[in-house]
C-alpha cells in the first residue's frame, strides 16, 4: 500500500514540475510603447529622430522604396 501511495505522489510531483517553468522571452519588451519612440540604443538609421512620428513614417517609406519590402523583391525575382 505504501508503494502505491509513494508512486502516486511521485507522479503528481513530476506532473507539477512543469508548472514552475519561467517564460522564455528573448528580450523584455514593453508592448505599450509606439515603435516611433525608438529603441534607446545606438542602432538607429541615420537621419531618423526618435519620438517623431513623421520621421518614422518617412523612414518606413524610404525602406520600402529601397527594396526592403519582401513582396516587391519576390515579384521582381520571378
C-alpha atoms as a PDB file:
ATOM      1  CA  UNK A   1       0.000   0.000   0.000  1.00  0.00           C
ATOM      2  CA  UNK A   2       2.864   2.373   0.839  1.00  0.00           C
ATOM      3  CA  UNK A   3       4.478   1.760  -2.540  1.00  0.00           C
ATOM      4  CA  UNK A   4       1.295   2.766  -4.365  1.00  0.00           C
ATOM      5  CA  UNK A   5       0.965   5.981  -2.344  1.00  0.00           C
ATOM      6  CA  UNK A   6       4.646   6.751  -2.884  1.00  0.00           C
ATOM      7  CA  UNK A   7       4.394   6.192  -6.658  1.00  0.00           C
ATOM      8  CA  UNK A   8       1.201   8.233  -6.903  1.00  0.00           C
ATOM      9  CA  UNK A   9       2.701  11.162  -5.008  1.00  0.00           C
ATOM     10  CA  UNK A  10       5.850  10.965  -7.138  1.00  0.00           C
ATOM     11  CA  UNK A  11       3.712  11.084 -10.303  1.00  0.00           C
ATOM     12  CA  UNK A  12       1.813  14.128  -9.009  1.00  0.00           C
ATOM     13  CA  UNK A  13       5.041  15.940  -8.163  1.00  0.00           C
ATOM     14  CA  UNK A  14       6.528  15.124 -11.548  1.00  0.00           C
ATOM     15  CA  UNK A  15       3.452  16.443 -13.373  1.00  0.00           C
ATOM     16  CA  UNK A  16       3.513  19.686 -11.369  1.00  0.00           C
ATOM     17  CA  UNK A  17       7.201  20.314 -12.085  1.00  0.00           C
ATOM     18  CA  UNK A  18       6.361  21.837 -15.497  1.00  0.00           C
ATOM     19  CA  UNK A  19       4.072  24.419 -13.873  1.00  0.00           C
ATOM     20  CA  UNK A  20       7.044  26.306 -12.444  1.00  0.00           C
ATOM     21  CA  UNK A  21       8.809  26.965 -15.753  1.00  0.00           C
ATOM     22  CA  UNK A  22       9.706  30.603 -16.347  1.00  0.00           C
ATOM     23  CA  UNK A  23       8.542  32.320 -19.554  1.00  0.00           C
ATOM     24  CA  UNK A  24      11.135  32.075 -22.298  1.00  0.00           C
ATOM     25  CA  UNK A  25      11.238  35.515 -23.854  1.00  0.00           C
ATOM     26  CA  UNK A  26      14.160  36.768 -25.871  1.00  0.00           C
ATOM     27  CA  UNK A  27      14.137  40.311 -24.543  1.00  0.00           C
ATOM     28  CA  UNK A  28      11.914  42.170 -22.126  1.00  0.00           C
ATOM     29  CA  UNK A  29       9.743  44.371 -24.324  1.00  0.00           C
ATOM     30  CA  UNK A  30       7.166  46.936 -23.355  1.00  0.00           C
ATOM     31  CA  UNK A  31       4.158  46.469 -25.591  1.00  0.00           C
ATOM     32  CA  UNK A  32       2.625  49.819 -24.731  1.00  0.00           C
ATOM     33  CA  UNK A  33       5.279  51.990 -26.420  1.00  0.00           C
ATOM     34  CA  UNK A  34       4.957  53.035 -30.028  1.00  0.00           C
ATOM     35  CA  UNK A  35       7.613  51.909 -32.491  1.00  0.00           C
ATOM     36  CA  UNK A  36       8.366  55.522 -33.379  1.00  0.00           C
ATOM     37  CA  UNK A  37       9.613  56.155 -29.823  1.00  0.00           C
ATOM     38  CA  UNK A  38      12.865  54.357 -30.599  1.00  0.00           C
ATOM     39  CA  UNK A  39      14.959  51.656 -29.026  1.00  0.00           C
ATOM     40  CA  UNK A  40      17.102  53.686 -26.673  1.00  0.00           C
ATOM     41  CA  UNK A  41      20.380  52.431 -28.176  1.00  0.00           C
ATOM     42  CA  UNK A  42      22.811  53.497 -30.874  1.00  0.00           C
ATOM     43  CA  UNK A  43      21.499  51.147 -33.577  1.00  0.00           C
ATOM     44  CA  UNK A  44      19.213  53.589 -35.371  1.00  0.00           C
ATOM     45  CA  UNK A  45      19.022  54.627 -39.002  1.00  0.00           C
ATOM     46  CA  UNK A  46      20.867  57.860 -39.762  1.00  0.00           C
ATOM     47  CA  UNK A  47      18.522  60.789 -40.157  1.00  0.00           C
ATOM     48  CA  UNK A  48      15.776  59.331 -38.006  1.00  0.00           C
ATOM     49  CA  UNK A  49      14.703  61.230 -34.903  1.00  0.00           C
ATOM     50  CA  UNK A  50      13.365  59.078 -32.078  1.00  0.00           C
ATOM     51  CA  UNK A  51       9.906  60.113 -30.934  1.00  0.00           C
ATOM     52  CA  UNK A  52       8.988  61.913 -34.173  1.00  0.00           C
ATOM     53  CA  UNK A  53       6.103  60.110 -35.898  1.00  0.00           C
ATOM     54  CA  UNK A  54       6.591  61.965 -39.217  1.00  0.00           C
ATOM     55  CA  UNK A  55      10.267  60.996 -39.279  1.00  0.00           C
ATOM     56  CA  UNK A  56       9.305  57.382 -38.557  1.00  0.00           C
ATOM     57  CA  UNK A  57       6.816  57.351 -41.428  1.00  0.00           C
ATOM     58  CA  UNK A  58       9.432  58.812 -43.782  1.00  0.00           C
ATOM     59  CA  UNK A  59      11.956  56.123 -42.798  1.00  0.00           C
ATOM     60  CA  UNK A  60       9.376  53.385 -43.442  1.00  0.00           C
ATOM     61  CA  UNK A  61       8.589  54.876 -46.865  1.00  0.00           C
ATOM     62  CA  UNK A  62      12.302  55.063 -47.731  1.00  0.00           C
ATOM     63  CA  UNK A  63      12.866  51.417 -46.721  1.00  0.00           C
ATOM     64  CA  UNK A  64      10.008  50.324 -48.928  1.00  0.00           C
ATOM     65  CA  UNK A  65      11.436  52.233 -51.897  1.00  0.00           C
ATOM     66  CA  UNK A  66      14.972  50.876 -51.394  1.00  0.00           C
ATOM     67  CA  UNK A  67      13.894  47.263 -51.659  1.00  0.00           C
ATOM     68  CA  UNK A  68      13.447  46.178 -48.062  1.00  0.00           C
ATOM     69  CA  UNK A  69       9.950  45.058 -48.925  1.00  0.00           C
ATOM     70  CA  UNK A  70       9.859  41.289 -49.418  1.00  0.00           C
ATOM     71  CA  UNK A  71       6.727  41.469 -51.566  1.00  0.00           C
ATOM     72  CA  UNK A  72       8.335  43.732 -54.162  1.00  0.00           C
ATOM     73  CA  UNK A  73      11.595  41.749 -54.136  1.00  0.00           C
ATOM     74  CA  UNK A  74       9.779  38.448 -54.702  1.00  0.00           C
ATOM     75  CA  UNK A  75       7.758  39.906 -57.590  1.00  0.00           C
ATOM     76  CA  UNK A  76      10.900  41.310 -59.255  1.00  0.00           C
ATOM     77  CA  UNK A  77      12.743  37.995 -58.962  1.00  0.00           C
ATOM     78  CA  UNK A  78      10.008  35.929 -60.623  1.00  0.00           C
END
